[in-house]
Structure formats: C-alpha cells, structure tokens
Protein backbone atom coordinates (compact mmCIF):
# COMPACT_ATOMS: atom_id res chain seq x y z
CA MET A 1 101.40 71.40 128.18
CA LYS A 2 103.58 73.93 126.36
CA PHE A 3 106.20 71.63 124.81
CA ALA A 4 103.02 69.43 123.87
CA LEU A 5 101.46 72.39 122.09
CA ILE A 6 104.49 73.47 120.72
CA ALA A 7 105.42 69.80 119.35
CA ALA A 8 101.70 69.63 117.87
CA LEU A 9 102.04 73.04 115.66
CA ILE A 10 105.19 71.55 114.98
CA THR A 11 103.56 68.32 113.60
CA VAL A 12 100.74 70.62 111.83
CA LEU A 13 103.84 72.87 110.29
CA ALA A 14 105.43 69.37 108.58
CA ILE A 15 102.32 68.04 107.90
CA GLY A 16 101.22 71.41 106.17
CA SER A 17 104.57 71.19 104.30
CA GLU A 18 104.16 67.97 103.13
CA SER A 19 100.50 69.11 101.53
CA ALA A 20 102.03 71.99 100.26
CA SER A 21 104.38 69.74 97.75
CA LEU A 22 101.14 67.51 97.05
CA VAL A 23 98.67 70.13 96.79
CA LYS A 24 99.09 73.92 95.67
CA ARG A 25 96.37 75.41 97.80
CA GLU A 26 96.49 78.58 100.18
CA VAL A 27 99.18 76.83 102.10
CA PRO A 28 101.56 79.19 101.93
CA GLU A 29 99.88 82.03 103.27
CA GLU A 30 99.15 79.33 106.25
CA LEU A 31 102.56 78.78 106.76
CA GLN A 32 103.25 82.33 106.65
CA LYS A 33 100.86 82.58 109.57
CA ILE A 34 102.45 79.62 111.31
CA SER A 35 105.89 81.15 111.10
CA GLN A 36 104.63 84.37 112.56
CA TYR A 37 103.22 82.52 115.38
CA PHE A 38 106.62 81.03 116.34
CA GLN A 39 108.79 84.16 115.83
CA GLY A 40 106.17 86.18 117.97
CA LEU A 41 106.46 83.24 120.45
CA LEU A 42 110.15 83.36 120.61
CA ASP A 43 110.11 87.45 120.66
CA SER A 44 107.78 87.20 123.61
CA LEU A 45 109.94 84.67 125.34
CA LYS A 46 113.35 86.69 125.08
CA THR A 47 111.46 89.76 126.71
CA ALA A 48 109.96 88.05 129.45
CA GLU A 49 111.54 87.27 132.59
CA GLY A 50 110.30 85.33 136.29
CA PRO A 51 106.48 85.27 137.07
CA GLU A 52 105.51 87.43 134.22
CA PHE A 53 106.95 84.98 131.59
CA ALA A 54 104.36 82.78 132.85
CA ASN A 55 101.46 85.04 132.33
CA ILE A 56 102.52 85.89 128.59
CA ALA A 57 103.41 82.64 127.79
CA LYS A 58 99.84 81.29 128.79
CA SER A 59 97.99 84.10 127.09
CA TYR A 60 99.93 84.05 124.18
CA ILE A 61 99.10 80.60 123.73
CA GLU A 62 95.66 81.04 124.22
CA GLU A 63 95.44 84.04 121.91
CA SER A 64 97.54 81.79 119.57
CA ARG A 65 95.36 78.55 119.76
CA ALA A 66 92.32 80.91 118.82
CA GLN A 67 94.15 82.27 115.57
CA LEU A 68 95.74 79.09 114.43
CA GLN A 69 92.76 76.49 115.28
CA PRO A 70 91.03 77.84 111.91
CA ILE A 71 94.19 76.61 110.13
CA VAL A 72 94.67 73.66 111.84
CA GLU A 73 90.87 72.51 110.86
CA LYS A 74 91.47 73.91 107.24
CA LEU A 75 94.84 71.65 106.52
CA HIS A 76 93.16 68.83 108.33
CA ALA A 77 90.37 69.03 105.72
CA GLN A 78 92.90 69.56 102.64
CA LEU A 79 94.70 66.29 104.14
CA LYS A 80 91.46 63.94 104.46
CA PRO A 81 91.91 63.27 100.79
CA LEU A 82 95.14 61.89 101.07
CA THR A 83 93.63 59.17 103.48
CA SER A 84 91.42 57.64 101.07
CA ILE A 85 94.46 57.19 98.30
CA ASP A 86 95.60 54.45 100.98
CA GLU A 87 92.15 53.03 101.06
CA GLN A 88 92.17 52.79 96.95
CA VAL A 89 95.62 51.38 96.85
CA LYS A 90 94.93 48.33 98.89
CA PRO A 91 92.72 46.54 96.66
CA LEU A 92 94.68 47.58 93.69
CA ALA A 93 97.87 45.85 95.53
CA ALA A 94 95.61 42.75 96.39
CA SER A 95 94.14 42.24 92.91
CA LEU A 96 97.40 42.52 91.52
CA GLN A 97 98.97 40.17 94.03
CA ALA A 98 96.40 37.77 92.99
CA GLN A 99 97.06 37.86 89.13
CA ILE A 100 100.52 37.68 89.53
CA ALA A 101 100.39 34.68 92.18
CA PRO A 102 100.08 31.70 89.40
CA TYR A 103 103.00 33.02 87.34
CA THR A 104 105.47 33.37 90.84
CA ASP A 105 104.34 29.62 91.26
CA LEU A 106 105.30 28.73 87.83
CA VAL A 107 108.61 30.39 87.80
CA GLN A 108 109.06 28.58 91.38
CA THR A 109 108.36 25.16 90.15
CA GLN A 110 110.64 25.76 87.01
CA PHE A 111 113.68 26.60 88.92
CA GLU A 112 112.72 23.94 91.42
CA ASP A 113 113.06 21.60 88.08
CA VAL A 114 116.30 23.31 86.74
CA LEU A 115 117.84 22.84 90.11
CA ARG A 116 116.56 19.02 90.47
CA PHE A 117 118.07 18.49 86.75
CA MET A 118 121.46 19.99 87.73
CA VAL A 119 121.88 17.84 90.60
CA ASP A 120 120.73 15.26 89.00
CA GLN A 121 123.74 15.71 86.23
CA THR A 122 126.19 16.46 89.13
CA LYS A 123 125.38 12.98 90.74
CA ALA A 124 125.83 11.24 87.23
CA ILE A 125 129.27 13.05 86.21
CA LEU A 126 131.10 12.56 89.96
CA PRO A 127 132.62 8.92 90.18
CA SER A 128 131.08 6.89 92.89
CA GLN A 129 132.87 6.48 96.11
C-alpha cells in the first residue's frame, strides 16, 4: 500500500510537471508542496527504527494524504481540458483522411499505370527466348 501511494504520488508529480509545461498556472507552488512532502517522508524514514517506523510512517502518510488531496484534485481539474483535445482532434483527422483519400487513390492508380507501362516496354525490348 505504501508503494502504491508513493507510485501514485510520483505519477501525479510527473503529470503535474507535464501540465506545467503546457499550462503555466500555480503548478510550481504545488510542485514545491509535493517535493516538501517527499523530503519530509525521506527525513522520517531516516530517523525511524523498528516498530516505531510503522507508526510514524502510517501517521505521516495519513497527514500527507490530507494535505495532498486538494492539490491532486486541482491538478486533475487542470488536466481535464487536455483530454477534450483528443476528442477534438479525432474528427479533424477523420475529415482530413476523407479529403485526402481520393488523391491517394489517384496517385496509386497512376503509379500502377506507370509500372504496367514499364513492364510492357521492358518485355518489348527483351528478345524472346
């Protein structure tokens, strides 16, 4: 569970850094909070020993989850418009493909005609065997 939470937070960090490059909003402050979280987690892991470790880790994760939940929700809200871009691009790609299809068919037909002409000319030049 600990590793899943850490993996999820790293994923959020990666997604947040991607959105920071796409949309310049309050992401640097949020990334600072996340990096502080990880730094605090590392400090706690270094100082804890034995059974005390489990209690400290559990309480720290619960506290951090409460602090990071609003940040994760905010990042999720900022990334939501990016998913709509895919929905907008698909119809444009289909439209472009429909417009180009007649031209690709024409080029293919002309290419086949050129190849057929070259084969016929080659057969005419070669002596019969």
